[in-house]
C-alpha cells in the first residue's frame, strides 16, 4: 500500500508542480484546497503525512488531533515554521520537516521589485498611460545609487538581497545576531538596530518570526527611524505592528510601505475575494494610502522556487520513509 500525503491549502500550481516532480510509486498525493484548521483536520484521515503551507494552523490542539489520526510527519513546503507548535509535535512523536531554502533569489528580487515600484511608481504610470494620460506629475522618484539601505536578517534571502543592493551601488547596513563573512566580504558592516534605524533611507526585513522579533517594527522603533523612510517586509507579517505603521504613514514618518506579508493574511491571501466585502479594517485602511504597495505573499512565486519546494519536500518525505536522518527537520530544540 502506498503511503498517503494529504496536502492542505493547495492551489492549481501546487498540484501541477508536485505531480510533475513526483516519481516515487510508494507515495499517493491527495490535494485539498482547504486550509488546515480545527474544522478540516479530519480530512487527513487515512494519511500518514500532511503537507502544509504558511497559513495552515498547527497549534497544540490540531497536532494532537493529527496524532490521533496516525499522522507521523508534518512536511512544511515553506521555510518558516512559526505556525507550528514544535513542543506539541515532539510530545506527539510527529516529525516536522521544512524547505529551508527554495529560491532566495525569488524573494530578494521581489523585494527589489517592490522598492522600484514604490520609488518610480511604475504601477501608477501603467494605469495612466492606458488612460492616455502621459503626464509625469506625481511620478517623481529618486536614485537608489548611494542611498542607505538597512537589511535586518542576512540569511539566504538577506544575503542575496545584499548582493543585489551592492550591485546597485547602495550603502548597506546589516543587522543580524550572526555575522556572515560572505556579507562582510562585500564591505557591509553589521550594526545594532539602534544605529541602523536613524541612518536608513530604506529598511528591508528578512528575519524569521519568533518571540524576539515579533512586532520588531512598533511605535518605539518607528520613532527612531529617519523621517521619510521606505519600509519593506517580504518576510513574515508579525514582524510589523500594522497599527503603528499606519500611524507612521499618517504622520509622514514612513513615506513608503511595501508588504508582501500581513499578520492577518491567513483569511485573505491566496483567495479571490473580489466579490466579497472586506471585513479586515486594518488592511482596508492600508489600501487607502497612495504610498503603500501590497502583494499577496507573492515573493516566493517563481517557476524555480516552486520546483525546488516540490523537490525538497518530496526528498524530505523520502528520507522519512527510508528511515534516514531528516536533514531538514525542525524541533523545539533547534527551532
C-alpha atoms as a PDB file:
ATOM      1  CA  UNK A   1       0.000   0.000   0.000  1.00  0.00           C
ATOM      2  CA  UNK A   2       1.358   3.454  -0.882  1.00  0.00           C
ATOM      3  CA  UNK A   3       1.901   5.980   1.878  1.00  0.00           C
ATOM      4  CA  UNK A   4      -0.637   8.791   1.633  1.00  0.00           C
ATOM      5  CA  UNK A   5       0.161  12.505   1.903  1.00  0.00           C
ATOM      6  CA  UNK A   6      -2.656  14.980   2.367  1.00  0.00           C
ATOM      7  CA  UNK A   7      -1.783  18.449   1.082  1.00  0.00           C
ATOM      8  CA  UNK A   8      -3.630  21.393   2.616  1.00  0.00           C
ATOM      9  CA  UNK A   9      -4.020  24.921   1.206  1.00  0.00           C
ATOM     10  CA  UNK A  10      -3.232  23.819  -2.336  1.00  0.00           C
ATOM     11  CA  UNK A  11      -3.630  25.861  -5.478  1.00  0.00           C
ATOM     12  CA  UNK A  12      -3.529  24.533  -9.071  1.00  0.00           C
ATOM     13  CA  UNK A  13       0.163  25.433  -9.336  1.00  0.00           C
ATOM     14  CA  UNK A  14       0.963  23.326  -6.234  1.00  0.00           C
ATOM     15  CA  UNK A  15      -0.734  20.292  -7.696  1.00  0.00           C
ATOM     16  CA  UNK A  16       0.991  20.765 -11.054  1.00  0.00           C
ATOM     17  CA  UNK A  17       4.438  21.206  -9.530  1.00  0.00           C
ATOM     18  CA  UNK A  18       4.256  18.240  -7.136  1.00  0.00           C
ATOM     19  CA  UNK A  19       2.787  15.871  -9.709  1.00  0.00           C
ATOM     20  CA  UNK A  20       5.491  16.918 -12.169  1.00  0.00           C
ATOM     21  CA  UNK A  21       8.271  16.006  -9.744  1.00  0.00           C
ATOM     22  CA  UNK A  22       6.643  13.031  -8.034  1.00  0.00           C
ATOM     23  CA  UNK A  23       8.398   9.841  -9.135  1.00  0.00           C
ATOM     24  CA  UNK A  24       8.115   7.635  -6.041  1.00  0.00           C
ATOM     25  CA  UNK A  25       5.495   4.923  -6.516  1.00  0.00           C
ATOM     26  CA  UNK A  26       5.386   4.456  -2.730  1.00  0.00           C
ATOM     27  CA  UNK A  27       3.532   7.771  -2.357  1.00  0.00           C
ATOM     28  CA  UNK A  28      -0.064   8.779  -3.010  1.00  0.00           C
ATOM     29  CA  UNK A  29      -0.661  12.530  -3.119  1.00  0.00           C
ATOM     30  CA  UNK A  30      -4.038  13.897  -2.031  1.00  0.00           C
ATOM     31  CA  UNK A  31      -4.637  17.606  -2.668  1.00  0.00           C
ATOM     32  CA  UNK A  32      -7.026  19.725  -0.638  1.00  0.00           C
ATOM     33  CA  UNK A  33      -7.857  23.372  -1.277  1.00  0.00           C
ATOM     34  CA  UNK A  34      -8.925  23.832   2.347  1.00  0.00           C
ATOM     35  CA  UNK A  35      -6.579  25.287   4.947  1.00  0.00           C
ATOM     36  CA  UNK A  36      -5.658  23.070   7.886  1.00  0.00           C
ATOM     37  CA  UNK A  37      -7.831  24.160  10.832  1.00  0.00           C
ATOM     38  CA  UNK A  38      -9.777  22.529  13.664  1.00  0.00           C
ATOM     39  CA  UNK A  39     -12.638  22.144  11.186  1.00  0.00           C
ATOM     40  CA  UNK A  40     -10.651  20.493   8.384  1.00  0.00           C
ATOM     41  CA  UNK A  41      -8.126  18.354  10.254  1.00  0.00           C
ATOM     42  CA  UNK A  42     -10.329  15.279   9.747  1.00  0.00           C
ATOM     43  CA  UNK A  43      -9.545  15.474   6.009  1.00  0.00           C
ATOM     44  CA  UNK A  44      -6.150  13.976   6.856  1.00  0.00           C
ATOM     45  CA  UNK A  45      -7.789  10.707   7.947  1.00  0.00           C
ATOM     46  CA  UNK A  46      -6.178   7.736   6.227  1.00  0.00           C
ATOM     47  CA  UNK A  47      -2.898   9.537   5.561  1.00  0.00           C
ATOM     48  CA  UNK A  48       0.416   9.168   7.339  1.00  0.00           C
ATOM     49  CA  UNK A  49       1.790  12.562   6.286  1.00  0.00           C
ATOM     50  CA  UNK A  50       0.363  16.062   5.952  1.00  0.00           C
ATOM     51  CA  UNK A  51       1.955  18.717   3.778  1.00  0.00           C
ATOM     52  CA  UNK A  52       1.156  22.279   4.824  1.00  0.00           C
ATOM     53  CA  UNK A  53       1.905  25.887   3.909  1.00  0.00           C
ATOM     54  CA  UNK A  54       2.451  29.208   5.683  1.00  0.00           C
ATOM     55  CA  UNK A  55      -1.153  29.929   6.695  1.00  0.00           C
ATOM     56  CA  UNK A  56      -2.130  26.467   7.897  1.00  0.00           C
ATOM     57  CA  UNK A  57      -2.722  26.193  11.641  1.00  0.00           C
ATOM     58  CA  UNK A  58      -0.683  23.651  13.592  1.00  0.00           C
ATOM     59  CA  UNK A  59      -1.353  24.503  17.222  1.00  0.00           C
ATOM     60  CA  UNK A  60      -1.346  22.014  20.097  1.00  0.00           C
ATOM     61  CA  UNK A  61      -4.978  21.021  19.597  1.00  0.00           C
ATOM     62  CA  UNK A  62      -4.593  20.321  15.890  1.00  0.00           C
ATOM     63  CA  UNK A  63      -1.341  18.427  16.344  1.00  0.00           C
ATOM     64  CA  UNK A  64      -2.980  16.203  18.952  1.00  0.00           C
ATOM     65  CA  UNK A  65      -5.805  15.513  16.517  1.00  0.00           C
ATOM     66  CA  UNK A  66      -3.275  14.716  13.787  1.00  0.00           C
ATOM     67  CA  UNK A  67      -1.595  12.285  16.164  1.00  0.00           C
ATOM     68  CA  UNK A  68      -4.932  10.581  16.833  1.00  0.00           C
ATOM     69  CA  UNK A  69      -5.302  10.225  13.052  1.00  0.00           C
ATOM     70  CA  UNK A  70      -1.905   8.457  12.991  1.00  0.00           C
ATOM     71  CA  UNK A  71      -0.081  11.303  11.230  1.00  0.00           C
ATOM     72  CA  UNK A  72       3.630  10.685  11.593  1.00  0.00           C
ATOM     73  CA  UNK A  73       5.162  13.559   9.632  1.00  0.00           C
ATOM     74  CA  UNK A  74       4.357  17.235   9.067  1.00  0.00           C
ATOM     75  CA  UNK A  75       6.034  18.384   5.868  1.00  0.00           C
ATOM     76  CA  UNK A  76       6.175  22.163   5.553  1.00  0.00           C
ATOM     77  CA  UNK A  77       6.519  23.306   1.960  1.00  0.00           C
ATOM     78  CA  UNK A  78       7.990  26.608   3.125  1.00  0.00           C
ATOM     79  CA  UNK A  79      10.945  27.872   5.148  1.00  0.00           C
ATOM     80  CA  UNK A  80       9.115  29.415   8.104  1.00  0.00           C
ATOM     81  CA  UNK A  81       7.718  27.252  10.897  1.00  0.00           C
ATOM     82  CA  UNK A  82       6.340  29.838  13.316  1.00  0.00           C
ATOM     83  CA  UNK A  83       2.832  28.406  12.729  1.00  0.00           C
ATOM     84  CA  UNK A  84       3.829  25.030  14.220  1.00  0.00           C
ATOM     85  CA  UNK A  85       3.740  24.147  17.923  1.00  0.00           C
ATOM     86  CA  UNK A  86       7.017  22.246  17.884  1.00  0.00           C
ATOM     87  CA  UNK A  87       6.737  21.241  21.537  1.00  0.00           C
ATOM     88  CA  UNK A  88       3.367  19.612  20.888  1.00  0.00           C
ATOM     89  CA  UNK A  89       4.712  17.851  17.792  1.00  0.00           C
ATOM     90  CA  UNK A  90       7.597  16.399  19.758  1.00  0.00           C
ATOM     91  CA  UNK A  91       5.258  15.295  22.564  1.00  0.00           C
ATOM     92  CA  UNK A  92       3.108  13.506  19.983  1.00  0.00           C
ATOM     93  CA  UNK A  93       6.171  11.975  18.291  1.00  0.00           C
ATOM     94  CA  UNK A  94       5.370  13.698  14.992  1.00  0.00           C
ATOM     95  CA  UNK A  95       8.408  14.729  12.975  1.00  0.00           C
ATOM     96  CA  UNK A  96       8.465  18.161  11.328  1.00  0.00           C
ATOM     97  CA  UNK A  97      10.469  18.990   8.204  1.00  0.00           C
ATOM     98  CA  UNK A  98      10.660  22.136   6.111  1.00  0.00           C
ATOM     99  CA  UNK A  99      12.177  23.637   2.959  1.00  0.00           C
ATOM    100  CA  UNK A 100      14.917  25.861   4.390  1.00  0.00           C
ATOM    101  CA  UNK A 101      15.917  27.394   1.059  1.00  0.00           C
ATOM    102  CA  UNK A 102      13.994  27.125  -2.184  1.00  0.00           C
ATOM    103  CA  UNK A 103      14.961  30.217  -4.161  1.00  0.00           C
ATOM    104  CA  UNK A 104      16.351  33.060  -2.095  1.00  0.00           C
ATOM    105  CA  UNK A 105      16.685  34.951  -5.371  1.00  0.00           C
ATOM    106  CA  UNK A 106      12.897  34.858  -5.848  1.00  0.00           C
ATOM    107  CA  UNK A 107      12.128  36.719  -2.616  1.00  0.00           C
ATOM    108  CA  UNK A 108      15.149  39.020  -2.849  1.00  0.00           C
ATOM    109  CA  UNK A 109      14.238  40.033  -6.398  1.00  0.00           C
ATOM    110  CA  UNK A 110      10.614  40.606  -5.394  1.00  0.00           C
ATOM    111  CA  UNK A 111      11.866  42.861  -2.614  1.00  0.00           C
ATOM    112  CA  UNK A 112      13.747  44.928  -5.180  1.00  0.00           C
ATOM    113  CA  UNK A 113      10.651  44.986  -7.398  1.00  0.00           C
ATOM    114  CA  UNK A 114       8.615  46.452  -4.538  1.00  0.00           C
ATOM    115  CA  UNK A 115      11.257  49.100  -3.859  1.00  0.00           C
ATOM    116  CA  UNK A 116      11.456  50.093  -7.520  1.00  0.00           C
ATOM    117  CA  UNK A 117       7.674  50.156  -7.888  1.00  0.00           C
ATOM    118  CA  UNK A 118       7.165  52.355  -4.844  1.00  0.00           C
ATOM    119  CA  UNK A 119      10.025  54.624  -5.864  1.00  0.00           C
ATOM    120  CA  UNK A 120       9.405  55.049  -9.595  1.00  0.00           C
ATOM    121  CA  UNK A 121       5.628  54.477  -9.348  1.00  0.00           C
ATOM    122  CA  UNK A 122       5.513  52.230 -12.399  1.00  0.00           C
ATOM    123  CA  UNK A 123       2.172  50.773 -11.291  1.00  0.00           C
ATOM    124  CA  UNK A 124       0.619  54.236 -11.427  1.00  0.00           C
ATOM    125  CA  UNK A 125       2.357  55.097 -14.705  1.00  0.00           C
ATOM    126  CA  UNK A 126       0.999  51.903 -16.282  1.00  0.00           C
ATOM    127  CA  UNK A 127      -2.588  52.814 -15.393  1.00  0.00           C
ATOM    128  CA  UNK A 128      -2.126  56.424 -16.522  1.00  0.00           C
ATOM    129  CA  UNK A 129      -0.798  55.561 -19.952  1.00  0.00           C
ATOM    130  CA  UNK A 130      -3.622  53.083 -20.533  1.00  0.00           C
ATOM    131  CA  UNK A 131      -5.989  56.012 -19.948  1.00  0.00           C
ATOM    132  CA  UNK A 132      -3.958  58.147 -22.396  1.00  0.00           C
ATOM    133  CA  UNK A 133      -2.614  60.272 -19.538  1.00  0.00           C
ATOM    134  CA  UNK A 134       1.050  60.889 -20.345  1.00  0.00           C
ATOM    135  CA  UNK A 135       1.715  63.409 -17.575  1.00  0.00           C
ATOM    136  CA  UNK A 136       4.697  62.851 -15.299  1.00  0.00           C
ATOM    137  CA  UNK A 137       3.286  64.900 -12.435  1.00  0.00           C
ATOM    138  CA  UNK A 138       3.261  62.889  -9.210  1.00  0.00           C
ATOM    139  CA  UNK A 139       5.638  60.204 -10.540  1.00  0.00           C
ATOM    140  CA  UNK A 140       8.894  61.696  -9.252  1.00  0.00           C
ATOM    141  CA  UNK A 141      11.298  59.130  -7.809  1.00  0.00           C
ATOM    142  CA  UNK A 142      14.873  59.085  -6.546  1.00  0.00           C
ATOM    143  CA  UNK A 143      18.156  57.381  -7.434  1.00  0.00           C
ATOM    144  CA  UNK A 144      18.804  54.224  -5.436  1.00  0.00           C
ATOM    145  CA  UNK A 145      22.511  54.796  -6.011  1.00  0.00           C
ATOM    146  CA  UNK A 146      24.238  55.817  -2.769  1.00  0.00           C
ATOM    147  CA  UNK A 147      21.058  55.507  -0.723  1.00  0.00           C
ATOM    148  CA  UNK A 148      21.466  53.818   2.659  1.00  0.00           C
ATOM    149  CA  UNK A 149      19.588  50.544   2.931  1.00  0.00           C
ATOM    150  CA  UNK A 150      19.232  48.643   6.189  1.00  0.00           C
ATOM    151  CA  UNK A 151      18.867  44.865   5.923  1.00  0.00           C
ATOM    152  CA  UNK A 152      17.617  43.122   9.051  1.00  0.00           C
ATOM    153  CA  UNK A 153      18.376  39.424   8.698  1.00  0.00           C
ATOM    154  CA  UNK A 154      21.193  38.152   6.489  1.00  0.00           C
ATOM    155  CA  UNK A 155      20.185  34.548   5.997  1.00  0.00           C
ATOM    156  CA  UNK A 156      19.899  33.087   2.493  1.00  0.00           C
ATOM    157  CA  UNK A 157      17.437  35.729   1.274  1.00  0.00           C
ATOM    158  CA  UNK A 158      19.006  38.648   3.106  1.00  0.00           C
ATOM    159  CA  UNK A 159      22.445  37.829   1.722  1.00  0.00           C
ATOM    160  CA  UNK A 160      21.167  37.652  -1.875  1.00  0.00           C
ATOM    161  CA  UNK A 161      19.347  40.943  -1.354  1.00  0.00           C
ATOM    162  CA  UNK A 162      22.579  42.499  -0.087  1.00  0.00           C
ATOM    163  CA  UNK A 163      24.352  41.346  -3.256  1.00  0.00           C
ATOM    164  CA  UNK A 164      21.662  42.950  -5.411  1.00  0.00           C
ATOM    165  CA  UNK A 165      21.932  46.225  -3.488  1.00  0.00           C
ATOM    166  CA  UNK A 166      25.715  46.086  -3.708  1.00  0.00           C
ATOM    167  CA  UNK A 167      25.444  45.888  -7.475  1.00  0.00           C
ATOM    168  CA  UNK A 168      23.198  48.953  -7.472  1.00  0.00           C
ATOM    169  CA  UNK A 169      25.775  50.955  -5.563  1.00  0.00           C
ATOM    170  CA  UNK A 170      23.758  51.347  -2.368  1.00  0.00           C
ATOM    171  CA  UNK A 171      25.254  51.935   1.061  1.00  0.00           C
ATOM    172  CA  UNK A 172      24.213  48.843   3.003  1.00  0.00           C
ATOM    173  CA  UNK A 173      23.973  48.310   6.748  1.00  0.00           C
ATOM    174  CA  UNK A 174      23.287  44.811   8.052  1.00  0.00           C
ATOM    175  CA  UNK A 175      21.780  43.705  11.330  1.00  0.00           C
ATOM    176  CA  UNK A 176      21.810  40.085  12.476  1.00  0.00           C
ATOM    177  CA  UNK A 177      22.973  38.288  15.646  1.00  0.00           C
ATOM    178  CA  UNK A 178      25.116  36.074  13.416  1.00  0.00           C
ATOM    179  CA  UNK A 179      27.580  37.933  11.219  1.00  0.00           C
ATOM    180  CA  UNK A 180      28.201  36.324   7.833  1.00  0.00           C
ATOM    181  CA  UNK A 181      31.742  36.501   6.441  1.00  0.00           C
ATOM    182  CA  UNK A 182      30.305  36.498   2.900  1.00  0.00           C
ATOM    183  CA  UNK A 183      28.303  39.621   3.702  1.00  0.00           C
ATOM    184  CA  UNK A 184      31.223  41.321   5.443  1.00  0.00           C
ATOM    185  CA  UNK A 185      33.392  40.491   2.409  1.00  0.00           C
ATOM    186  CA  UNK A 186      31.196  42.877   0.399  1.00  0.00           C
ATOM    187  CA  UNK A 187      32.266  45.654   2.741  1.00  0.00           C
ATOM    188  CA  UNK A 188      28.915  45.650   4.524  1.00  0.00           C
ATOM    189  CA  UNK A 189      29.161  46.488   8.234  1.00  0.00           C
ATOM    190  CA  UNK A 190      26.960  44.903  10.884  1.00  0.00           C
ATOM    191  CA  UNK A 191      25.448  47.442  13.245  1.00  0.00           C
ATOM    192  CA  UNK A 192      22.912  47.275  16.084  1.00  0.00           C
ATOM    193  CA  UNK A 193      19.349  48.318  15.284  1.00  0.00           C
ATOM    194  CA  UNK A 194      19.713  51.460  17.386  1.00  0.00           C
ATOM    195  CA  UNK A 195      22.366  52.653  14.925  1.00  0.00           C
ATOM    196  CA  UNK A 196      20.660  51.286  11.829  1.00  0.00           C
ATOM    197  CA  UNK A 197      17.234  52.929  12.163  1.00  0.00           C
ATOM    198  CA  UNK A 198      18.325  56.598  12.149  1.00  0.00           C
ATOM    199  CA  UNK A 199      20.556  56.169   9.086  1.00  0.00           C
ATOM    200  CA  UNK A 200      18.361  54.217   6.665  1.00  0.00           C
ATOM    201  CA  UNK A 201      16.572  55.636   3.661  1.00  0.00           C
ATOM    202  CA  UNK A 202      15.175  52.142   3.076  1.00  0.00           C
ATOM    203  CA  UNK A 203      14.660  49.345   5.612  1.00  0.00           C
ATOM    204  CA  UNK A 204      14.040  45.769   4.472  1.00  0.00           C
ATOM    205  CA  UNK A 205      13.077  42.884   6.768  1.00  0.00           C
ATOM    206  CA  UNK A 206      14.433  39.390   6.114  1.00  0.00           C
ATOM    207  CA  UNK A 207      14.483  37.834   9.582  1.00  0.00           C
ATOM    208  CA  UNK A 208      12.395  34.934  10.913  1.00  0.00           C
ATOM    209  CA  UNK A 209       9.372  35.494  13.126  1.00  0.00           C
ATOM    210  CA  UNK A 210       9.853  34.415  16.729  1.00  0.00           C
ATOM    211  CA  UNK A 211       9.261  35.787  20.197  1.00  0.00           C
ATOM    212  CA  UNK A 212      12.270  38.095  19.903  1.00  0.00           C
ATOM    213  CA  UNK A 213      11.299  39.566  16.535  1.00  0.00           C
ATOM    214  CA  UNK A 214       7.510  39.792  16.871  1.00  0.00           C
ATOM    215  CA  UNK A 215       6.485  43.435  16.378  1.00  0.00           C
ATOM    216  CA  UNK A 216      10.072  44.383  15.708  1.00  0.00           C
ATOM    217  CA  UNK A 217       8.595  47.389  13.944  1.00  0.00           C
ATOM    218  CA  UNK A 218       6.492  49.236  16.512  1.00  0.00           C
ATOM    219  CA  UNK A 219       5.832  52.762  17.748  1.00  0.00           C
ATOM    220  CA  UNK A 220       9.138  52.890  19.615  1.00  0.00           C
ATOM    221  CA  UNK A 221      11.324  51.661  16.762  1.00  0.00           C
ATOM    222  CA  UNK A 222       9.495  53.786  14.189  1.00  0.00           C
ATOM    223  CA  UNK A 223      10.265  56.833  16.334  1.00  0.00           C
ATOM    224  CA  UNK A 224      13.984  56.028  15.943  1.00  0.00           C
ATOM    225  CA  UNK A 225      13.793  55.906  12.147  1.00  0.00           C
ATOM    226  CA  UNK A 226      14.851  58.538   9.689  1.00  0.00           C
ATOM    227  CA  UNK A 227      11.938  60.719   8.556  1.00  0.00           C
ATOM    228  CA  UNK A 228      10.619  59.665   5.148  1.00  0.00           C
ATOM    229  CA  UNK A 229      11.880  56.080   5.358  1.00  0.00           C
ATOM    230  CA  UNK A 230      10.773  53.348   2.967  1.00  0.00           C
ATOM    231  CA  UNK A 231       9.801  50.176   4.856  1.00  0.00           C
ATOM    232  CA  UNK A 232       9.673  46.804   3.075  1.00  0.00           C
ATOM    233  CA  UNK A 233       8.581  43.472   4.545  1.00  0.00           C
ATOM    234  CA  UNK A 234       8.796  40.282   2.487  1.00  0.00           C
ATOM    235  CA  UNK A 235       9.445  38.000   5.466  1.00  0.00           C
ATOM    236  CA  UNK A 236       6.620  37.466   7.979  1.00  0.00           C
ATOM    237  CA  UNK A 237       3.658  39.714   8.754  1.00  0.00           C
ATOM    238  CA  UNK A 238       4.093  39.506  12.518  1.00  0.00           C
ATOM    239  CA  UNK A 239       7.366  41.424  12.333  1.00  0.00           C
ATOM    240  CA  UNK A 240       5.290  44.584  11.968  1.00  0.00           C
ATOM    241  CA  UNK A 241       2.750  46.167  14.293  1.00  0.00           C
ATOM    242  CA  UNK A 242       0.461  47.271  11.479  1.00  0.00           C
ATOM    243  CA  UNK A 243      -1.412  49.847  13.534  1.00  0.00           C
ATOM    244  CA  UNK A 244       1.885  51.501  14.490  1.00  0.00           C
ATOM    245  CA  UNK A 245       2.882  51.574  10.819  1.00  0.00           C
ATOM    246  CA  UNK A 246      -0.433  53.203   9.900  1.00  0.00           C
ATOM    247  CA  UNK A 247       0.310  55.907  12.452  1.00  0.00           C
ATOM    248  CA  UNK A 248       3.766  56.314  10.911  1.00  0.00           C
ATOM    249  CA  UNK A 249       2.220  56.697   7.466  1.00  0.00           C
ATOM    250  CA  UNK A 250      -0.295  59.271   8.698  1.00  0.00           C
ATOM    251  CA  UNK A 251       2.407  61.389  10.344  1.00  0.00           C
ATOM    252  CA  UNK A 252       4.731  61.126   7.338  1.00  0.00           C
ATOM    253  CA  UNK A 253       7.471  59.387   9.298  1.00  0.00           C
ATOM    254  CA  UNK A 254       7.074  56.496   6.855  1.00  0.00           C
ATOM    255  CA  UNK A 255       6.919  57.762   3.276  1.00  0.00           C
ATOM    256  CA  UNK A 256       6.643  54.380   1.554  1.00  0.00           C
ATOM    257  CA  UNK A 257       5.441  50.960   2.678  1.00  0.00           C
ATOM    258  CA  UNK A 258       5.749  47.719   0.744  1.00  0.00           C
ATOM    259  CA  UNK A 259       4.468  44.470   2.256  1.00  0.00           C
ATOM    260  CA  UNK A 260       4.234  41.017   0.719  1.00  0.00           C
ATOM    261  CA  UNK A 261       3.122  39.562   4.055  1.00  0.00           C
ATOM    262  CA  UNK A 262       0.491  40.588   6.580  1.00  0.00           C
ATOM    263  CA  UNK A 263      -0.109  39.409  10.127  1.00  0.00           C
ATOM    264  CA  UNK A 264      -3.761  38.524   9.458  1.00  0.00           C
ATOM    265  CA  UNK A 265      -3.185  37.228   5.941  1.00  0.00           C
ATOM    266  CA  UNK A 266      -4.481  33.717   6.630  1.00  0.00           C
ATOM    267  CA  UNK A 267      -8.068  34.775   5.929  1.00  0.00           C
ATOM    268  CA  UNK A 268      -7.159  36.856   2.880  1.00  0.00           C
ATOM    269  CA  UNK A 269      -4.180  35.771   0.834  1.00  0.00           C
ATOM    270  CA  UNK A 270      -4.255  33.080  -1.872  1.00  0.00           C
ATOM    271  CA  UNK A 271      -8.009  33.655  -2.339  1.00  0.00           C
ATOM    272  CA  UNK A 272     -10.140  35.628  -4.782  1.00  0.00           C
ATOM    273  CA  UNK A 273     -12.299  37.853  -2.582  1.00  0.00           C
ATOM    274  CA  UNK A 274     -13.159  40.395  -5.279  1.00  0.00           C
ATOM    275  CA  UNK A 275     -16.901  39.793  -4.960  1.00  0.00           C
ATOM    276  CA  UNK A 276     -16.944  39.939  -1.162  1.00  0.00           C
ATOM    277  CA  UNK A 277     -16.956  42.648   1.483  1.00  0.00           C
ATOM    278  CA  UNK A 278     -13.537  43.014   3.103  1.00  0.00           C
ATOM    279  CA  UNK A 279     -14.022  42.742   6.857  1.00  0.00           C
ATOM    280  CA  UNK A 280     -10.413  43.419   7.814  1.00  0.00           C
ATOM    281  CA  UNK A 281     -10.474  47.145   8.590  1.00  0.00           C
ATOM    282  CA  UNK A 282      -6.712  47.317   9.111  1.00  0.00           C
ATOM    283  CA  UNK A 283      -5.666  46.173   5.655  1.00  0.00           C
ATOM    284  CA  UNK A 284      -8.558  48.143   4.179  1.00  0.00           C
ATOM    285  CA  UNK A 285      -7.076  51.260   5.792  1.00  0.00           C
ATOM    286  CA  UNK A 286      -3.631  50.415   4.431  1.00  0.00           C
ATOM    287  CA  UNK A 287      -5.031  50.190   0.916  1.00  0.00           C
ATOM    288  CA  UNK A 288      -6.279  53.781   1.116  1.00  0.00           C
ATOM    289  CA  UNK A 289      -2.722  55.155   1.212  1.00  0.00           C
ATOM    290  CA  UNK A 290      -1.282  56.086  -2.202  1.00  0.00           C
ATOM    291  CA  UNK A 291       2.248  55.313  -0.971  1.00  0.00           C
ATOM    292  CA  UNK A 292       1.506  51.723   0.111  1.00  0.00           C
ATOM    293  CA  UNK A 293       2.108  48.669  -2.077  1.00  0.00           C
ATOM    294  CA  UNK A 294       0.672  45.313  -1.031  1.00  0.00           C
ATOM    295  CA  UNK A 295       1.267  41.995  -2.757  1.00  0.00           C
ATOM    296  CA  UNK A 296      -0.315  38.771  -1.504  1.00  0.00           C
ATOM    297  CA  UNK A 297       2.650  36.624  -0.407  1.00  0.00           C
ATOM    298  CA  UNK A 298       3.918  36.559  -3.973  1.00  0.00           C
ATOM    299  CA  UNK A 299       7.631  36.804  -3.246  1.00  0.00           C
ATOM    300  CA  UNK A 300       8.314  33.067  -3.474  1.00  0.00           C
ATOM    301  CA  UNK A 301       6.249  32.636  -6.630  1.00  0.00           C
ATOM    302  CA  UNK A 302       8.671  31.753  -9.411  1.00  0.00           C
ATOM    303  CA  UNK A 303       8.995  28.634 -11.544  1.00  0.00           C
ATOM    304  CA  UNK A 304      12.359  27.840  -9.994  1.00  0.00           C
ATOM    305  CA  UNK A 305      11.093  28.223  -6.436  1.00  0.00           C
ATOM    306  CA  UNK A 306       8.023  26.031  -6.982  1.00  0.00           C
ATOM    307  CA  UNK A 307      10.212  23.297  -8.468  1.00  0.00           C
ATOM    308  CA  UNK A 308      12.673  23.457  -5.593  1.00  0.00           C
ATOM    309  CA  UNK A 309       9.883  23.419  -2.989  1.00  0.00           C
ATOM    310  CA  UNK A 310       8.409  20.275  -4.546  1.00  0.00           C
ATOM    311  CA  UNK A 311      11.756  18.524  -4.939  1.00  0.00           C
ATOM    312  CA  UNK A 312      12.921  19.295  -1.403  1.00  0.00           C
ATOM    313  CA  UNK A 313       9.577  18.386   0.172  1.00  0.00           C
ATOM    314  CA  UNK A 314       9.412  15.092  -1.670  1.00  0.00           C
ATOM    315  CA  UNK A 315      13.007  14.313  -0.700  1.00  0.00           C
ATOM    316  CA  UNK A 316      12.195  15.120   2.935  1.00  0.00           C
ATOM    317  CA  UNK A 317       9.365  12.580   2.714  1.00  0.00           C
ATOM    318  CA  UNK A 318      11.625  10.007   1.060  1.00  0.00           C
ATOM    319  CA  UNK A 319      14.162  10.357   3.878  1.00  0.00           C
ATOM    320  CA  UNK A 320      11.376   9.761   6.384  1.00  0.00           C
ATOM    321  CA  UNK A 321      10.114   6.629   4.586  1.00  0.00           C
ATOM    322  CA  UNK A 322      13.620   5.215   4.248  1.00  0.00           C
ATOM    323  CA  UNK A 323      14.454   5.867   7.904  1.00  0.00           C
ATOM    324  CA  UNK A 324      17.285   8.244   7.062  1.00  0.00           C
ATOM    325  CA  UNK A 325      18.396  11.272   9.020  1.00  0.00           C
ATOM    326  CA  UNK A 326      15.968  14.119   8.307  1.00  0.00           C
ATOM    327  CA  UNK A 327      18.382  16.848   7.224  1.00  0.00           C
ATOM    328  CA  UNK A 328      15.644  19.494   7.152  1.00  0.00           C
ATOM    329  CA  UNK A 329      13.998  18.563  10.440  1.00  0.00           C
ATOM    330  CA  UNK A 330      12.960  21.223  12.942  1.00  0.00           C
ATOM    331  CA  UNK A 331      12.198  20.629  16.607  1.00  0.00           C
ATOM    332  CA  UNK A 332      11.642  22.613  19.788  1.00  0.00           C
ATOM    333  CA  UNK A 333      15.380  22.272  20.460  1.00  0.00           C
ATOM    334  CA  UNK A 334      16.660  23.725  17.181  1.00  0.00           C
ATOM    335  CA  UNK A 335      13.595  25.775  16.222  1.00  0.00           C
END
